[in-house]
Amino acid sequence: MNGAKKRNSVSAAAALVTTAALGGCAGGGDTGSAGGVENAKVAFLMPDRASTRYDLADKPLFEARMKRLCPSCTVIYHNAEADDATQQRQARSTLAEGVKALVLDPVDSAAAGVIVKWAQARGVPVIAYDRLVTSVPADYYVSFDNEKIGAMIAQSLVDHLKQRGALGGLLQVNGSPKDSAAAQLRKGVNDVIGPSGFRRLAEYDTPGWRPEKAQSWVSLQIPRFGDKIAGVVAANDGTGGGAIAAFKKAGVRVPPVTGNDAELDAAQRIIAGEQYNTISKPIKVVAEASANVAYEFMRGERPPGMTMLYETPAELFVPTVVTRKNINEVLFRSGIMKASDACTGEYAEDCAELGIK
């Protein structure tokens, strides 16, 4: 992605949410009667359950925002369980139900093009969510800047290793080879590792983002490289957790490991000193922005976007790197996460040390 073409800032996130809300909902109240969208249906199709976020965060946040924008509207939610054929069937089903907009986080960024074609043939706009559809232009794309995320987690790790005077190389655990977001993350990571002075020892694309696949692969690298492994750049918290599990099972030192998504398990690992970093990208920002955009399309409006990716108008938001040094401020004092959820059992003492309460 060309940095000159992007407008990536937290203020931009706020601007989109605010602008879209004002466009259809003064004060966030009931605007279901505006634009003739009362009783309309909107599809919200998520890709998998390898990450817990889709069921626990994205879905309820999207539904809550749509309820505020259009109390009479209905959200039809499906999770594809990491199967693109299942996602295609779910898309066909929601289109048959007469949805007026389709928000899609694709299992397979290329194969999802057929869903875009089906929807657009029916006059139904498609908002790509979190992951871009690469084979056919969707009507809009809402996400965090995945290339930037890759660069941020890798740079954070490299800086940490240099401060420690670490020697050796890095294992690189990427996301799904079918996921355009994973490709963007990988590019960001590669841009940092290349000139970092740390050699890439080995690299792996994790099928379906499955933590157990990441664990199995890392388990094979431990006897191969041993103490030469200075760190692991993992594309998300699931793959990072899998990498950490591999080192622990092997009974060897766990090197600094990255993550992404700020899941509860990852926060606990950071608190305990097992995972080095993650990325806080408040899902509420993207969920609400996509609801706003979907609502605008349902009213017959066409949001212009702030940049273009794969011929798709897009809005990208910049997240925050989280380490043990700032986890209290970024995740807990901000209200993104509750201490009562994270500081249980074995984590209580470490939480107290970090002032998390």
Protein backbone atom coordinates (compact mmCIF):
# COMPACT_ATOMS: atom_id res chain seq x y z
CA MET A 1 0.00 0.00 0.00
CA ASN A 2 1.19 3.49 -0.81
CA GLY A 3 1.47 5.48 2.40
CA ALA A 4 0.77 8.70 0.54
CA LYS A 5 -2.64 7.37 -0.40
CA LYS A 6 -3.69 6.46 3.10
CA ARG A 7 -5.31 8.46 5.83
CA ASN A 8 -4.63 6.37 8.90
CA SER A 9 -5.31 7.84 12.31
CA VAL A 10 -7.45 7.33 15.35
CA SER A 11 -8.98 10.72 14.65
CA ALA A 12 -9.95 9.43 11.22
CA ALA A 13 -11.72 6.56 12.93
CA ALA A 14 -13.66 8.95 15.07
CA ALA A 15 -14.41 11.11 12.06
CA LEU A 16 -15.92 8.26 10.08
CA VAL A 17 -18.04 7.06 12.94
CA THR A 18 -19.24 10.57 13.65
CA THR A 19 -19.82 11.57 10.04
CA ALA A 20 -21.74 8.42 9.17
CA ALA A 21 -23.79 8.71 12.31
CA LEU A 22 -24.70 12.28 11.54
CA GLY A 23 -25.55 11.29 7.99
CA GLY A 24 -28.24 8.95 9.16
CA CYS A 25 -28.77 9.35 12.86
CA ALA A 26 -28.77 12.65 14.70
CA GLY A 27 -27.69 11.87 18.24
CA GLY A 28 -27.59 8.13 17.53
CA GLY A 29 -31.32 7.68 17.95
CA ASP A 30 -33.97 5.94 15.82
CA THR A 31 -33.53 6.75 12.15
CA GLY A 32 -35.14 3.61 10.78
CA SER A 33 -37.79 5.65 9.02
CA ALA A 34 -35.17 7.71 7.12
CA GLY A 35 -34.44 6.63 3.58
CA GLY A 36 -37.09 3.90 3.60
CA VAL A 37 -34.96 1.25 5.35
CA GLU A 38 -37.37 0.38 8.15
CA ASN A 39 -37.58 -3.40 8.75
CA ALA A 40 -34.60 -3.96 6.46
CA LYS A 41 -32.19 -6.86 6.91
CA VAL A 42 -28.39 -6.68 6.84
CA ALA A 43 -26.03 -9.68 6.72
CA PHE A 44 -22.97 -9.90 8.96
CA LEU A 45 -20.82 -12.82 7.80
CA MET A 46 -17.71 -13.66 9.83
CA PRO A 47 -14.99 -16.15 8.87
CA ASP A 48 -14.07 -18.47 11.74
CA ARG A 49 -13.91 -19.26 15.43
CA ALA A 50 -10.13 -19.74 15.60
CA SER A 51 -10.30 -16.25 17.06
CA THR A 52 -12.94 -15.73 19.75
CA ARG A 53 -13.44 -12.08 18.81
CA TYR A 54 -16.07 -12.59 16.09
CA ASP A 55 -18.73 -14.14 18.31
CA LEU A 56 -17.82 -12.29 21.49
CA ALA A 57 -17.07 -8.78 20.20
CA ASP A 58 -17.61 -8.05 16.50
CA LYS A 59 -21.14 -9.48 16.36
CA PRO A 60 -22.63 -7.80 19.45
CA LEU A 61 -20.94 -4.48 18.71
CA PHE A 62 -22.17 -4.43 15.12
CA GLU A 63 -25.68 -5.42 16.22
CA ALA A 64 -25.75 -2.74 18.90
CA ARG A 65 -24.75 -0.01 16.47
CA MET A 66 -27.27 -1.13 13.85
CA LYS A 67 -29.97 -1.18 16.54
CA ARG A 68 -29.22 2.46 17.34
CA LEU A 69 -29.22 3.47 13.69
CA CYS A 70 -32.29 1.46 12.74
CA PRO A 71 -34.28 -0.12 15.59
CA SER A 72 -36.57 -1.93 13.16
CA CYS A 73 -33.71 -3.47 11.15
CA THR A 74 -32.53 -7.07 11.58
CA VAL A 75 -28.96 -8.35 11.54
CA ILE A 76 -28.52 -11.85 10.14
CA TYR A 77 -25.31 -13.32 11.56
CA HIS A 78 -23.37 -16.35 10.36
CA ASN A 79 -19.91 -17.71 11.14
CA ALA A 80 -18.34 -19.81 8.37
CA GLU A 81 -16.16 -21.95 10.65
CA ALA A 82 -13.15 -21.33 8.37
CA ASP A 83 -14.79 -22.91 5.32
CA ASP A 84 -15.21 -20.77 2.23
CA ALA A 85 -17.88 -23.09 0.74
CA THR A 86 -19.90 -22.69 3.94
CA GLN A 87 -19.52 -18.93 3.72
CA GLN A 88 -20.78 -18.96 0.15
CA ARG A 89 -23.85 -20.95 1.20
CA GLN A 90 -24.47 -18.51 4.04
CA ALA A 91 -24.19 -15.59 1.65
CA ARG A 92 -26.67 -17.17 -0.77
CA SER A 93 -29.06 -17.76 2.11
CA THR A 94 -28.95 -14.17 3.34
CA LEU A 95 -29.36 -12.82 -0.20
CA ALA A 96 -32.41 -15.06 -0.61
CA GLU A 97 -33.77 -13.53 2.61
CA GLY A 98 -33.61 -10.11 0.97
CA VAL A 99 -30.80 -8.37 2.84
CA LYS A 100 -30.18 -4.76 1.81
CA ALA A 101 -26.45 -4.81 2.63
CA LEU A 102 -23.88 -7.54 3.23
CA VAL A 103 -20.93 -7.09 5.58
CA LEU A 104 -18.34 -9.75 4.79
CA ASP A 105 -15.14 -10.86 6.51
CA PRO A 106 -13.99 -13.44 3.94
CA VAL A 107 -12.56 -16.85 4.74
CA ASP A 108 -10.79 -16.82 1.38
CA SER A 109 -10.09 -13.32 0.07
CA ALA A 110 -9.98 -14.45 -3.56
CA ALA A 111 -12.85 -16.98 -3.52
CA ALA A 112 -15.10 -14.41 -1.85
CA GLY A 113 -15.26 -12.58 -5.16
CA VAL A 114 -18.16 -14.81 -6.17
CA ILE A 115 -20.12 -13.57 -3.15
CA VAL A 116 -19.50 -9.98 -4.22
CA LYS A 117 -20.73 -10.80 -7.73
CA TRP A 118 -23.91 -12.48 -6.45
CA ALA A 119 -24.70 -9.56 -4.15
CA GLN A 120 -23.98 -6.81 -6.64
CA ALA A 121 -26.07 -8.61 -9.28
CA ARG A 122 -28.99 -8.19 -6.87
CA GLY A 123 -28.13 -4.57 -6.15
CA VAL A 124 -26.87 -5.44 -2.66
CA PRO A 125 -23.73 -3.52 -1.58
CA VAL A 126 -20.88 -5.50 -0.01
CA ILE A 127 -18.78 -4.01 2.77
CA ALA A 128 -15.54 -5.98 3.19
CA TYR A 129 -14.78 -6.16 6.90
CA ASP A 130 -11.29 -6.56 8.36
CA ARG A 131 -10.15 -8.59 5.32
CA LEU A 132 -10.20 -7.31 1.78
CA VAL A 133 -11.81 -9.14 -1.15
CA THR A 134 -9.00 -9.23 -3.71
CA SER A 135 -10.57 -10.78 -6.83
CA VAL A 136 -13.58 -8.48 -7.30
CA PRO A 137 -13.94 -4.92 -5.96
CA ALA A 138 -16.35 -4.75 -3.04
CA ASP A 139 -18.34 -1.57 -2.49
CA TYR A 140 -16.38 -0.54 0.59
CA TYR A 141 -13.63 -1.81 2.91
CA VAL A 142 -13.38 -1.10 6.64
CA SER A 143 -10.37 -2.33 8.60
CA PHE A 144 -7.32 -1.53 10.59
CA ASP A 145 -4.17 -1.00 8.53
CA ASN A 146 -2.91 -4.59 8.46
CA GLU A 147 0.36 -3.77 6.74
CA LYS A 148 1.04 -1.20 9.44
CA ILE A 149 0.15 -3.77 12.12
CA GLY A 150 2.72 -6.20 10.72
CA ALA A 151 5.38 -3.51 10.76
CA MET A 152 4.43 -2.43 14.29
CA ILE A 153 4.61 -5.86 15.92
CA ALA A 154 7.86 -6.69 14.14
CA GLN A 155 9.51 -3.34 14.94
CA SER A 156 8.46 -3.62 18.58
CA LEU A 157 10.06 -7.06 18.78
CA VAL A 158 13.24 -6.05 16.93
CA ASP A 159 13.72 -3.00 19.18
CA HIS A 160 13.24 -5.17 22.26
CA LEU A 161 15.75 -7.78 21.08
CA LYS A 162 18.34 -5.12 20.25
CA GLN A 163 17.91 -3.51 23.67
CA ARG A 164 18.59 -6.92 25.22
CA GLY A 165 21.58 -7.52 22.98
CA ALA A 166 19.96 -10.69 21.67
CA LEU A 167 21.71 -12.79 19.04
CA GLY A 168 20.27 -15.23 16.54
CA GLY A 169 17.36 -15.10 14.14
CA LEU A 170 13.58 -15.05 13.95
CA LEU A 171 10.85 -17.53 13.23
CA GLN A 172 7.99 -15.96 11.24
CA VAL A 173 4.52 -17.45 11.75
CA ASN A 174 2.14 -15.87 9.26
CA GLY A 175 -1.63 -16.13 9.02
CA SER A 176 -3.78 -18.04 6.57
CA PRO A 177 -2.50 -18.16 2.98
CA LYS A 178 -6.11 -17.55 1.86
CA ASP A 179 -6.45 -14.31 3.82
CA SER A 180 -5.55 -10.98 2.22
CA ALA A 181 -5.09 -9.45 5.67
CA ALA A 182 -2.45 -12.09 6.40
CA ALA A 183 -0.62 -11.12 3.22
CA GLN A 184 -0.70 -7.46 4.26
CA LEU A 185 0.56 -8.36 7.73
CA ARG A 186 3.36 -10.43 6.21
CA LYS A 187 4.44 -7.55 3.98
CA GLY A 188 4.63 -5.22 6.97
CA VAL A 189 6.68 -7.78 8.90
CA ASN A 190 9.01 -8.38 5.96
CA ASP A 191 9.64 -4.67 5.53
CA VAL A 192 10.96 -4.55 9.10
CA ILE A 193 12.82 -7.85 9.32
CA GLY A 194 14.71 -7.29 6.06
CA PRO A 195 16.92 -4.42 7.30
CA SER A 196 16.75 -5.36 11.01
CA GLY A 197 19.97 -7.38 11.19
CA PHE A 198 18.07 -10.43 12.40
CA ARG A 199 18.00 -13.34 9.96
CA ARG A 200 14.70 -15.02 9.18
CA LEU A 201 15.37 -18.63 10.20
CA ALA A 202 12.17 -20.10 8.80
CA GLU A 203 8.68 -18.96 7.78
CA TYR A 204 5.25 -20.61 7.84
CA ASP A 205 1.78 -19.73 6.52
CA THR A 206 -0.72 -21.07 9.06
CA PRO A 207 -3.73 -22.80 7.46
CA GLY A 208 -6.94 -21.22 8.74
CA TRP A 209 -4.99 -19.28 11.37
CA ARG A 210 -5.22 -22.45 13.50
CA PRO A 211 -3.12 -22.25 16.68
CA GLU A 212 -2.50 -26.00 16.72
CA LYS A 213 -0.98 -25.80 13.22
CA ALA A 214 1.32 -23.00 14.36
CA GLN A 215 2.29 -25.02 17.43
CA SER A 216 3.11 -28.10 15.36
CA TRP A 217 5.29 -26.12 12.97
CA VAL A 218 7.18 -24.28 15.71
CA SER A 219 7.71 -27.60 17.50
CA LEU A 220 9.65 -28.79 14.45
CA GLN A 221 11.81 -25.66 14.38
CA ILE A 222 12.91 -25.87 18.02
CA PRO A 223 15.24 -28.87 17.60
CA ARG A 224 16.32 -27.51 14.23
CA PHE A 225 17.49 -24.08 15.42
CA GLY A 226 17.67 -24.35 19.22
CA ASP A 227 19.20 -21.31 20.92
CA LYS A 228 19.51 -19.52 17.58
CA ILE A 229 15.81 -18.59 17.91
CA ALA A 230 15.93 -15.04 19.30
CA GLY A 231 12.22 -14.36 18.81
CA VAL A 232 9.04 -15.29 16.99
CA VAL A 233 7.00 -12.90 14.86
CA ALA A 234 3.50 -14.39 15.03
CA ALA A 235 0.72 -12.73 13.03
CA ASN A 236 -1.98 -12.94 15.70
CA ASP A 237 -2.59 -14.03 19.27
CA GLY A 238 -3.76 -17.49 18.27
CA THR A 239 -0.60 -18.32 16.31
CA GLY A 240 1.49 -16.60 18.98
CA GLY A 241 -0.17 -18.73 21.64
CA GLY A 242 0.54 -21.82 19.56
CA ALA A 243 4.21 -20.86 19.30
CA ILE A 244 4.49 -20.30 23.04
CA ALA A 245 2.82 -23.65 23.72
CA ALA A 246 5.42 -25.35 21.51
CA PHE A 247 8.34 -23.93 23.50
CA LYS A 248 6.71 -24.77 26.82
CA LYS A 249 5.96 -28.31 25.72
CA ALA A 250 9.57 -28.73 24.61
CA GLY A 251 10.68 -27.59 28.04
CA VAL A 252 12.94 -24.84 26.70
CA ARG A 253 13.17 -21.09 27.14
CA VAL A 254 10.29 -19.17 25.56
CA PRO A 255 11.73 -16.33 23.46
CA PRO A 256 9.84 -13.06 22.96
CA VAL A 257 6.74 -13.77 20.82
CA THR A 258 4.46 -11.25 19.11
CA GLY A 259 0.69 -11.30 18.65
CA ASN A 260 -2.22 -9.28 17.33
CA ASP A 261 -5.87 -8.77 18.37
CA ALA A 262 -5.48 -8.25 22.15
CA GLU A 263 -7.47 -11.33 23.06
CA LEU A 264 -7.99 -12.12 26.74
CA ASP A 265 -5.66 -15.14 26.68
CA ALA A 266 -2.94 -13.03 25.08
CA ALA A 267 -3.38 -10.28 27.65
CA GLN A 268 -2.92 -12.87 30.38
CA ARG A 269 0.22 -14.21 28.69
CA ILE A 270 1.63 -10.68 28.46
CA ILE A 271 0.81 -10.04 32.11
CA ALA A 272 2.63 -13.27 33.02
CA GLY A 273 5.61 -12.37 30.81
CA GLU A 274 5.07 -15.24 28.36
CA GLN A 275 4.08 -13.18 25.28
CA TYR A 276 5.96 -10.03 24.40
CA ASN A 277 3.37 -7.95 22.57
CA THR A 278 -0.02 -7.80 20.92
CA ILE A 279 -2.01 -5.19 19.05
CA SER A 280 -4.98 -3.36 20.51
CA LYS A 281 -7.33 -2.51 17.70
CA PRO A 282 -10.61 -1.62 19.39
CA ILE A 283 -13.11 -3.76 17.52
CA LYS A 284 -15.81 -1.27 18.41
CA VAL A 285 -14.26 1.24 15.98
CA VAL A 286 -14.46 -1.09 12.99
CA ALA A 287 -17.76 -2.71 13.97
CA GLU A 288 -19.50 0.63 14.39
CA ALA A 289 -17.89 2.13 11.29
CA SER A 290 -19.06 -0.81 9.16
CA ALA A 291 -22.57 -0.52 10.59
CA ASN A 292 -22.59 3.18 9.73
CA VAL A 293 -21.39 2.48 6.19
CA ALA A 294 -23.90 -0.34 5.69
CA TYR A 295 -26.67 1.95 6.86
CA GLU A 296 -25.60 4.69 4.45
CA PHE A 297 -25.66 2.24 1.56
CA MET A 298 -29.10 0.98 2.66
CA ARG A 299 -30.36 4.57 2.46
CA GLY A 300 -29.09 4.88 -1.10
CA GLU A 301 -25.95 6.86 -0.24
CA ARG A 302 -22.42 5.90 -1.30
CA PRO A 303 -19.60 6.68 1.15
CA PRO A 304 -16.48 7.78 -0.77
CA GLY A 305 -13.81 6.28 1.49
CA MET A 306 -10.47 7.84 2.41
CA THR A 307 -8.24 5.72 0.14
CA MET A 308 -8.52 2.99 -2.50
CA LEU A 309 -7.37 -0.62 -2.23
CA TYR A 310 -8.02 -3.12 -5.05
CA GLU A 311 -10.33 -0.51 -6.59
CA THR A 312 -12.35 -0.48 -3.37
CA PRO A 313 -13.08 2.69 -1.36
CA ALA A 314 -11.53 2.06 2.05
CA GLU A 315 -11.02 3.44 5.53
CA LEU A 316 -8.08 2.12 7.55
CA PHE A 317 -7.46 2.78 11.23
CA VAL A 318 -4.18 2.69 13.17
CA PRO A 319 -4.02 0.56 16.35
CA THR A 320 -1.67 0.45 19.37
CA VAL A 321 1.15 -1.93 20.27
CA VAL A 322 0.64 -3.44 23.73
CA THR A 323 3.46 -4.76 25.90
CA ARG A 324 3.78 -5.41 29.61
CA LYS A 325 4.86 -1.77 30.02
CA ASN A 326 1.61 -0.23 28.79
CA ILE A 327 -0.98 -3.00 29.06
CA ASN A 328 -2.63 -1.49 32.12
CA GLU A 329 -3.15 1.88 30.46
CA VAL A 330 -4.12 0.64 26.99
CA LEU A 331 -6.38 -2.30 27.84
CA PHE A 332 -7.59 -1.90 31.42
CA ARG A 333 -7.69 1.78 32.37
CA SER A 334 -9.24 2.51 28.97
CA GLY A 335 -12.08 0.09 29.69
CA ILE A 336 -11.35 -2.16 26.70
CA MET A 337 -10.81 -5.09 29.05
CA LYS A 338 -11.88 -5.79 32.64
CA ALA A 339 -9.32 -6.66 35.29
CA SER A 340 -11.83 -9.08 36.80
CA ASP A 341 -11.69 -11.11 33.59
CA ALA A 342 -7.91 -11.17 33.25
CA CYS A 343 -6.58 -11.16 36.80
CA THR A 344 -7.83 -14.55 37.88
CA GLY A 345 -6.00 -17.38 39.63
CA GLU A 346 -2.35 -17.56 38.61
CA TYR A 347 -2.46 -14.08 37.05
CA ALA A 348 -3.55 -12.22 40.18
CA GLU A 349 -0.04 -11.67 41.54
CA ASP A 350 1.32 -10.39 38.22
CA CYS A 351 -1.69 -8.08 37.84
CA ALA A 352 -0.99 -6.63 41.28
CA GLU A 353 2.64 -6.06 40.28
CA LEU A 354 1.48 -4.09 37.24
CA GLY A 355 -1.16 -2.15 39.16
CA ILE A 356 -4.03 -3.73 37.25
CA LYS A 357 -7.16 -3.64 39.36
